[in-house]
Each structure stands twice: as C-alpha cells, then as structure tokens.
PDB file of N, CA and C in Angstrom:
ATOM      1  N   MET A   1       1.847 -16.416  -6.121  1.00  0.00           N
ATOM      2  CA  MET A   1       2.414 -15.237  -6.094  1.00  0.00           C
ATOM      3  C   MET A   1       2.475 -14.799  -4.150  1.00  0.00           C
ATOM      4  N   THR A   2       3.318 -14.165  -4.239  1.00  0.00           N
ATOM      5  CA  THR A   2       3.939 -14.177  -2.654  1.00  0.00           C
ATOM      6  C   THR A   2       2.828 -12.733  -2.211  1.00  0.00           C
ATOM      7  N   ASN A   3       2.967 -11.975  -0.538  1.00  0.00           N
ATOM      8  CA  ASN A   3       2.435 -11.660  -0.220  1.00  0.00           C
ATOM      9  C   ASN A   3       2.905 -10.511  -0.468  1.00  0.00           C
ATOM     10  N   LEU A   4       4.666 -10.159  -0.241  1.00  0.00           N
ATOM     11  CA  LEU A   4       5.422  -9.558  -0.889  1.00  0.00           C
ATOM     12  C   LEU A   4       4.734  -8.704  -2.679  1.00  0.00           C
ATOM     13  N   GLU A   5       4.787 -10.214  -3.243  1.00  0.00           N
ATOM     14  CA  GLU A   5       4.610  -9.543  -4.517  1.00  0.00           C
ATOM     15  C   GLU A   5       3.352  -8.627  -5.128  1.00  0.00           C
ATOM     16  N   GLN A   6       2.163  -9.436  -3.796  1.00  0.00           N
ATOM     17  CA  GLN A   6       1.330  -9.040  -4.526  1.00  0.00           C
ATOM     18  C   GLN A   6       0.937  -8.093  -3.534  1.00  0.00           C
ATOM     19  N   TYR A   7       1.977  -7.316  -2.522  1.00  0.00           N
ATOM     20  CA  TYR A   7       2.258  -6.074  -2.459  1.00  0.00           C
ATOM     21  C   TYR A   7       2.431  -4.787  -2.966  1.00  0.00           C
ATOM     22  N   LYS A   8       3.667  -5.375  -3.897  1.00  0.00           N
ATOM     23  CA  LYS A   8       4.382  -4.611  -4.581  1.00  0.00           C
ATOM     24  C   LYS A   8       3.505  -4.337  -5.953  1.00  0.00           C
ATOM     25  N   ASN A   9       2.660  -5.479  -6.085  1.00  0.00           N
ATOM     26  CA  ASN A   9       1.482  -5.068  -7.996  1.00  0.00           C
ATOM     27  C   ASN A   9       0.962  -4.039  -7.692  1.00  0.00           C
ATOM     28  N   ALA A  10       0.361  -4.636  -5.733  1.00  0.00           N
ATOM     29  CA  ALA A  10      -0.829  -3.095  -5.366  1.00  0.00           C
ATOM     30  C   ALA A  10      -0.138  -1.493  -5.537  1.00  0.00           C
ATOM     31  N   PHE A  11       0.852  -1.793  -5.509  1.00  0.00           N
ATOM     32  CA  PHE A  11       1.169  -0.196  -5.631  1.00  0.00           C
ATOM     33  C   PHE A  11       1.731   0.140  -7.273  1.00  0.00           C
ATOM     34  N   ILE A  12       2.003  -0.863  -7.699  1.00  0.00           N
ATOM     35  CA  ILE A  12       2.630  -0.535  -8.846  1.00  0.00           C
ATOM     36  C   ILE A  12       1.699  -0.123  -9.837  1.00  0.00           C
ATOM     37  N   GLU A  13       0.367  -0.796  -9.664  1.00  0.00           N
ATOM     38  CA  GLU A  13      -0.894  -0.832 -10.925  1.00  0.00           C
ATOM     39  C   GLU A  13      -1.456   0.201 -10.228  1.00  0.00           C
ATOM     40  N   THR A  14      -1.833   0.642  -8.975  1.00  0.00           N
ATOM     41  CA  THR A  14      -2.663   1.669  -8.650  1.00  0.00           C
ATOM     42  C   THR A  14      -1.931   2.667  -8.664  1.00  0.00           C
ATOM     43  N   LEU A  15      -0.643   3.041  -8.106  1.00  0.00           N
ATOM     44  CA  LEU A  15      -0.171   4.143  -7.983  1.00  0.00           C
ATOM     45  C   LEU A  15       1.166   4.673  -9.527  1.00  0.00           C
ATOM     46  N   VAL A  16       0.376   3.713 -10.773  1.00  0.00           N
ATOM     47  CA  VAL A  16       1.109   3.373 -11.749  1.00  0.00           C
ATOM     48  C   VAL A  16       3.257   4.827 -11.391  1.00  0.00           C
ATOM     49  N   VAL A  17       3.938   3.538 -10.341  1.00  0.00           N
ATOM     50  CA  VAL A  17       5.364   3.627 -10.079  1.00  0.00           C
ATOM     51  C   VAL A  17       5.886   2.267 -10.926  1.00  0.00           C
ATOM     52  N   GLU A  18       7.268   2.476 -10.598  1.00  0.00           N
ATOM     53  CA  GLU A  18       8.094   1.504 -11.527  1.00  0.00           C
ATOM     54  C   GLU A  18       8.526   0.266  -9.892  1.00  0.00           C
ATOM     55  N   GLU A  19       9.003  -0.771 -10.405  1.00  0.00           N
ATOM     56  CA  GLU A  19       9.202  -1.211  -8.868  1.00  0.00           C
ATOM     57  C   GLU A  19      10.393  -1.055  -8.035  1.00  0.00           C
ATOM     58  N   SER A  20      11.511  -0.384  -8.751  1.00  0.00           N
ATOM     59  CA  SER A  20      13.030   0.700  -8.446  1.00  0.00           C
ATOM     60  C   SER A  20      11.967   1.624  -7.460  1.00  0.00           C
ATOM     61  N   GLN A  21      11.304   1.891  -7.397  1.00  0.00           N
ATOM     62  CA  GLN A  21      10.901   3.567  -6.796  1.00  0.00           C
ATOM     63  C   GLN A  21      10.235   2.814  -5.915  1.00  0.00           C
ATOM     64  N   LEU A  22       9.641   1.853  -4.928  1.00  0.00           N
ATOM     65  CA  LEU A  22       8.922   1.827  -4.162  1.00  0.00           C
ATOM     66  C   LEU A  22       9.840   1.835  -2.914  1.00  0.00           C
ATOM     67  N   LYS A  23      10.755   1.493  -2.317  1.00  0.00           N
ATOM     68  CA  LYS A  23      11.811   1.210  -1.693  1.00  0.00           C
ATOM     69  C   LYS A  23      11.887   3.382  -1.170  1.00  0.00           C
ATOM     70  N   GLY A  24      11.082   3.510   0.212  1.00  0.00           N
ATOM     71  CA  GLY A  24      11.531   4.664   0.152  1.00  0.00           C
ATOM     72  C   GLY A  24      10.326   5.813  -0.135  1.00  0.00           C
ATOM     73  N   LEU A  25       9.738   4.420  -0.894  1.00  0.00           N
ATOM     74  CA  LEU A  25       8.320   5.651  -1.209  1.00  0.00           C
ATOM     75  C   LEU A  25       7.512   6.238  -0.298  1.00  0.00           C
ATOM     76  N   GLN A  26       7.217   7.462  -0.403  1.00  0.00           N
ATOM     77  CA  GLN A  26       5.885   8.071   0.832  1.00  0.00           C
ATOM     78  C   GLN A  26       4.786   9.020  -0.118  1.00  0.00           C
ATOM     79  N   TYR A  27       3.985   9.153   1.081  1.00  0.00           N
ATOM     80  CA  TYR A  27       2.417   9.678   0.225  1.00  0.00           C
ATOM     81  C   TYR A  27       2.734  10.802  -0.230  1.00  0.00           C
ATOM     82  N   GLN A  28       2.452  11.260  -1.324  1.00  0.00           N
ATOM     83  CA  GLN A  28       2.779  12.430  -2.412  1.00  0.00           C
ATOM     84  C   GLN A  28       4.231  12.643  -3.084  1.00  0.00           C
ATOM     85  N   ASP A  29       4.913  11.721  -2.797  1.00  0.00           N
ATOM     86  CA  ASP A  29       6.115  11.300  -3.407  1.00  0.00           C
ATOM     87  C   ASP A  29       5.891  11.625  -5.129  1.00  0.00           C
ATOM     88  N   VAL A  30       5.063  11.224  -5.082  1.00  0.00           N
ATOM     89  CA  VAL A  30       4.717  10.787  -6.525  1.00  0.00           C
ATOM     90  C   VAL A  30       3.473  11.573  -7.191  1.00  0.00           C
ATOM     91  N   PRO A  31       2.811  11.933  -8.564  1.00  0.00           N
ATOM     92  CA  PRO A  31       1.929  12.317  -8.952  1.00  0.00           C
ATOM     93  C   PRO A  31       0.426  11.384  -8.275  1.00  0.00           C
ATOM     94  N   GLY A  32       1.088  10.115  -8.886  1.00  0.00           N
ATOM     95  CA  GLY A  32      -0.283   9.293  -8.587  1.00  0.00           C
ATOM     96  C   GLY A  32      -0.538   9.074  -6.963  1.00  0.00           C
ATOM     97  N   TRP A  33      -0.391   9.205  -6.144  1.00  0.00           N
ATOM     98  CA  TRP A  33      -0.408   8.878  -4.135  1.00  0.00           C
ATOM     99  C   TRP A  33      -0.763  10.245  -4.092  1.00  0.00           C
ATOM    100  N   ASP A  34      -1.778  10.848  -4.876  1.00  0.00           N
ATOM    101  CA  ASP A  34      -2.794  11.553  -4.131  1.00  0.00           C
ATOM    102  C   ASP A  34      -2.958  11.542  -3.252  1.00  0.00           C
ATOM    103  N   SER A  35      -4.578  11.892  -2.690  1.00  0.00           N
ATOM    104  CA  SER A  35      -5.505  11.948  -1.806  1.00  0.00           C
ATOM    105  C   SER A  35      -6.570  10.549  -2.188  1.00  0.00           C
ATOM    106  N   ILE A  36      -6.662  10.574  -3.701  1.00  0.00           N
ATOM    107  CA  ILE A  36      -7.587   9.969  -4.201  1.00  0.00           C
ATOM    108  C   ILE A  36      -6.544   8.862  -4.649  1.00  0.00           C
ATOM    109  N   GLY A  37      -5.424   8.547  -4.912  1.00  0.00           N
ATOM    110  CA  GLY A  37      -4.670   7.306  -5.268  1.00  0.00           C
ATOM    111  C   GLY A  37      -4.508   6.741  -4.003  1.00  0.00           C
ATOM    112  N   HIS A  38      -4.450   7.343  -2.697  1.00  0.00           N
ATOM    113  CA  HIS A  38      -4.141   6.887  -2.005  1.00  0.00           C
ATOM    114  C   HIS A  38      -5.678   5.832  -1.109  1.00  0.00           C
ATOM    115  N   MET A  39      -6.625   6.867  -1.424  1.00  0.00           N
ATOM    116  CA  MET A  39      -7.925   5.446  -0.939  1.00  0.00           C
ATOM    117  C   MET A  39      -8.189   4.463  -2.032  1.00  0.00           C
ATOM    118  N   SER A  40      -7.805   4.563  -3.544  1.00  0.00           N
ATOM    119  CA  SER A  40      -7.730   3.795  -4.418  1.00  0.00           C
ATOM    120  C   SER A  40      -6.515   2.917  -4.169  1.00  0.00           C
ATOM    121  N   LEU A  41      -5.495   2.751  -3.254  1.00  0.00           N
ATOM    122  CA  LEU A  41      -4.423   1.899  -2.916  1.00  0.00           C
ATOM    123  C   LEU A  41      -4.743   1.225  -1.843  1.00  0.00           C
ATOM    124  N   MET A  42      -5.690   1.943  -0.830  1.00  0.00           N
ATOM    125  CA  MET A  42      -6.334   1.232   0.446  1.00  0.00           C
ATOM    126  C   MET A  42      -6.951   0.121  -0.451  1.00  0.00           C
ATOM    127  N   ALA A  43      -7.709   0.751  -0.601  1.00  0.00           N
ATOM    128  CA  ALA A  43      -9.346  -0.529  -1.141  1.00  0.00           C
ATOM    129  C   ALA A  43      -8.558  -1.478  -2.202  1.00  0.00           C
ATOM    130  N   ALA A  44      -7.214  -0.899  -2.995  1.00  0.00           N
ATOM    131  CA  ALA A  44      -6.682  -2.594  -3.276  1.00  0.00           C
ATOM    132  C   ALA A  44      -5.773  -3.037  -2.937  1.00  0.00           C
ATOM    133  N   LEU A  45      -5.488  -2.703  -1.552  1.00  0.00           N
ATOM    134  CA  LEU A  45      -4.921  -3.768  -0.981  1.00  0.00           C
ATOM    135  C   LEU A  45      -5.893  -4.365   0.038  1.00  0.00           C
ATOM    136  N   GLU A  46      -6.962  -3.335   0.804  1.00  0.00           N
ATOM    137  CA  GLU A  46      -8.348  -4.638   1.530  1.00  0.00           C
ATOM    138  C   GLU A  46      -8.844  -5.814   0.304  1.00  0.00           C
ATOM    139  N   ASP A  47      -8.426  -5.233  -0.623  1.00  0.00           N
ATOM    140  CA  ASP A  47      -9.151  -6.196  -1.626  1.00  0.00           C
ATOM    141  C   ASP A  47      -7.707  -7.715  -1.567  1.00  0.00           C
ATOM    142  N   VAL A  48      -6.962  -7.277  -2.281  1.00  0.00           N
ATOM    143  CA  VAL A  48      -5.490  -8.263  -1.979  1.00  0.00           C
ATOM    144  C   VAL A  48      -5.446  -9.361  -0.860  1.00  0.00           C
ATOM    145  N   PHE A  49      -5.597  -8.456   0.304  1.00  0.00           N
ATOM    146  CA  PHE A  49      -5.674  -9.377   1.163  1.00  0.00           C
ATOM    147  C   PHE A  49      -7.015  -9.774   2.658  1.00  0.00           C
ATOM    148  N   ASP A  50      -7.726  -9.588   1.466  1.00  0.00           N
ATOM    149  CA  ASP A  50      -9.001  -9.608   2.384  1.00  0.00           C
ATOM    150  C   ASP A  50      -9.306  -9.158   3.318  1.00  0.00           C
ATOM    151  N   ILE A  51      -9.191  -7.524   3.551  1.00  0.00           N
ATOM    152  CA  ILE A  51      -8.944  -7.435   4.771  1.00  0.00           C
ATOM    153  C   ILE A  51      -9.998  -6.035   4.756  1.00  0.00           C
ATOM    154  N   MET A  52     -10.037  -5.290   6.177  1.00  0.00           N
ATOM    155  CA  MET A  52     -10.419  -4.253   6.442  1.00  0.00           C
ATOM    156  C   MET A  52     -10.003  -3.485   6.762  1.00  0.00           C
ATOM    157  N   MET A  53      -9.157  -2.536   6.941  1.00  0.00           N
ATOM    158  CA  MET A  53      -8.097  -1.559   7.347  1.00  0.00           C
ATOM    159  C   MET A  53      -9.291  -0.498   8.589  1.00  0.00           C
ATOM    160  N   ASP A  54      -8.651  -0.681   9.479  1.00  0.00           N
ATOM    161  CA  ASP A  54      -9.211   0.563  10.551  1.00  0.00           C
ATOM    162  C   ASP A  54      -8.892   2.750   9.566  1.00  0.00           C
ATOM    163  N   THR A  55      -9.747   3.211  10.332  1.00  0.00           N
ATOM    164  CA  THR A  55      -9.110   4.357   9.151  1.00  0.00           C
ATOM    165  C   THR A  55      -8.237   4.912   9.525  1.00  0.00           C
ATOM    166  N   ASP A  56      -7.819   4.565  11.126  1.00  0.00           N
ATOM    167  CA  ASP A  56      -6.446   4.870  11.762  1.00  0.00           C
ATOM    168  C   ASP A  56      -5.218   4.717  11.229  1.00  0.00           C
ATOM    169  N   ASP A  57      -5.298   3.439  10.694  1.00  0.00           N
ATOM    170  CA  ASP A  57      -4.465   2.668   9.750  1.00  0.00           C
ATOM    171  C   ASP A  57      -4.215   2.889   8.411  1.00  0.00           C
ATOM    172  N   ILE A  58      -5.539   3.580   7.912  1.00  0.00           N
ATOM    173  CA  ILE A  58      -5.531   4.341   6.866  1.00  0.00           C
ATOM    174  C   ILE A  58      -4.626   5.414   5.910  1.00  0.00           C
ATOM    175  N   ILE A  59      -5.374   6.478   7.483  1.00  0.00           N
ATOM    176  CA  ILE A  59      -4.651   7.706   7.511  1.00  0.00           C
ATOM    177  C   ILE A  59      -2.773   7.793   7.800  1.00  0.00           C
ATOM    178  N   ASP A  60      -2.813   6.704   8.988  1.00  0.00           N
ATOM    179  CA  ASP A  60      -1.021   6.615   9.185  1.00  0.00           C
ATOM    180  C   ASP A  60      -0.586   5.732   8.028  1.00  0.00           C
ATOM    181  N   PHE A  61      -0.810   4.863   7.071  1.00  0.00           N
ATOM    182  CA  PHE A  61      -0.571   4.371   5.975  1.00  0.00           C
ATOM    183  C   PHE A  61      -0.022   5.518   4.891  1.00  0.00           C
ATOM    184  N   SER A  62       1.571   5.955   5.532  1.00  0.00           N
ATOM    185  CA  SER A  62       2.072   6.726   4.981  1.00  0.00           C
ATOM    186  C   SER A  62       3.253   6.680   3.774  1.00  0.00           C
ATOM    187  N   SER A  63       3.554   5.466   3.851  1.00  0.00           N
ATOM    188  CA  SER A  63       4.782   5.250   3.438  1.00  0.00           C
ATOM    189  C   SER A  63       4.974   3.669   2.478  1.00  0.00           C
ATOM    190  N   PHE A  64       5.958   2.927   2.199  1.00  0.00           N
ATOM    191  CA  PHE A  64       5.948   1.732   1.326  1.00  0.00           C
ATOM    192  C   PHE A  64       5.910   0.826   2.612  1.00  0.00           C
ATOM    193  N   GLU A  65       7.282   1.324   3.168  1.00  0.00           N
ATOM    194  CA  GLU A  65       7.459   0.478   4.474  1.00  0.00           C
ATOM    195  C   GLU A  65       6.308   0.762   5.786  1.00  0.00           C
ATOM    196  N   LYS A  66       5.858   1.970   6.295  1.00  0.00           N
ATOM    197  CA  LYS A  66       4.830   1.686   7.096  1.00  0.00           C
ATOM    198  C   LYS A  66       3.752   0.906   6.827  1.00  0.00           C
ATOM    199  N   GLY A  67       3.360   1.016   5.463  1.00  0.00           N
ATOM    200  CA  GLY A  67       2.542  -0.042   5.029  1.00  0.00           C
ATOM    201  C   GLY A  67       2.428  -1.098   5.217  1.00  0.00           C
ATOM    202  N   GLN A  68       3.766  -1.697   5.238  1.00  0.00           N
ATOM    203  CA  GLN A  68       4.188  -3.639   5.425  1.00  0.00           C
ATOM    204  C   GLN A  68       3.820  -3.324   7.234  1.00  0.00           C
ATOM    205  N   GLU A  69       4.245  -2.516   8.224  1.00  0.00           N
ATOM    206  CA  GLU A  69       4.017  -2.767   9.619  1.00  0.00           C
ATOM    207  C   GLU A  69       2.704  -2.991   9.584  1.00  0.00           C
ATOM    208  N   ILE A  70       2.127  -1.936   9.007  1.00  0.00           N
ATOM    209  CA  ILE A  70       0.632  -1.830   9.534  1.00  0.00           C
ATOM    210  C   ILE A  70      -0.327  -2.705   9.413  1.00  0.00           C
ATOM    211  N   LEU A  71      -0.281  -3.628   7.699  1.00  0.00           N
ATOM    212  CA  LEU A  71      -0.750  -4.718   7.365  1.00  0.00           C
ATOM    213  C   LEU A  71      -0.242  -6.289   8.109  1.00  0.00           C
ATOM    214  N   ALA A  72       0.686  -5.939   8.966  1.00  0.00           N
ATOM    215  CA  ALA A  72       1.551  -7.098   9.936  1.00  0.00           C
ATOM    216  C   ALA A  72       0.236  -7.061  11.095  1.00  0.00           C
ATOM    217  N   LYS A  73      -0.180  -6.014  11.553  1.00  0.00           N
ATOM    218  CA  LYS A  73      -1.481  -6.262  12.263  1.00  0.00           C
ATOM    219  C   LYS A  73      -2.358  -6.589  11.649  1.00  0.00           C
ATOM    220  N   TYR A  74      -2.961  -6.722  10.201  1.00  0.00           N
ATOM    221  CA  TYR A  74      -3.593  -7.847  10.401  1.00  0.00           C
ATOM    222  C   TYR A  74      -3.181  -8.977   9.336  1.00  0.00           C
ATOM    223  N   ASP A  75      -2.252  -9.702  10.149  1.00  0.00           N
ATOM    224  CA  ASP A  75      -1.503 -11.169   9.680  1.00  0.00           C
ATOM    225  C   ASP A  75      -1.196 -11.201   8.595  1.00  0.00           C
ATOM    226  N   VAL A  76      -0.823 -10.385   7.897  1.00  0.00           N
ATOM    227  CA  VAL A  76      -0.377  -9.848   6.719  1.00  0.00           C
ATOM    228  C   VAL A  76       1.284 -10.101   6.707  1.00  0.00           C
ATOM    229  N   GLU A  77       1.694 -11.257   6.269  1.00  0.00           N
ATOM    230  CA  GLU A  77       3.339 -11.503   6.752  1.00  0.00           C
ATOM    231  C   GLU A  77       3.633 -11.332   5.743  1.00  0.00           C
ATOM    232  N   PHE A  78       5.568 -10.724   5.374  1.00  0.00           N
ATOM    233  CA  PHE A  78       5.583 -10.311   4.488  1.00  0.00           C
ATOM    234  C   PHE A  78       7.435 -11.378   4.300  1.00  0.00           C
TER     235      PHE A  78
END
C-alpha cells in the first residue's frame, strides 16, 4: 500500500468519510473531524507512518492537503 493510500485510509477510517470527500476536506467540515476526531486522526497517522508529530504541527493540521505538507516534514512522501 502506498503512503497516499495509507494516508487516505487513516482519514476514511478515523473520520468515517468517503474517499470522494477527502479533496478539500477541512477541520470541522464533517461531524467526525471535531477535536476528539482530530486527536484520533493524529494518533492514527503517527502509527501508520511511525512518527511523532510536534504539537505545533498537530495544531496546524487543518485540512487534508495541509496534512500532506506537514507530513513531508517527517519524510513522508506522497
């Protein structure tokens, strides 16, 4: 499975969304991406990519696309 597929799956499984909703998805756009869902998503991504994100990056992780930019700082390539 590619990094992009793993990234998408983390969103789909954690936030209970469809793949078609991912492009342009932002924090609080869907009921599952509230503060609790956000932390669950961060934990899922840290597990999937075996990383530990900085607090500032967790706070800045505000959209599907922004998340890819942030994960690039941790050498996750899409």
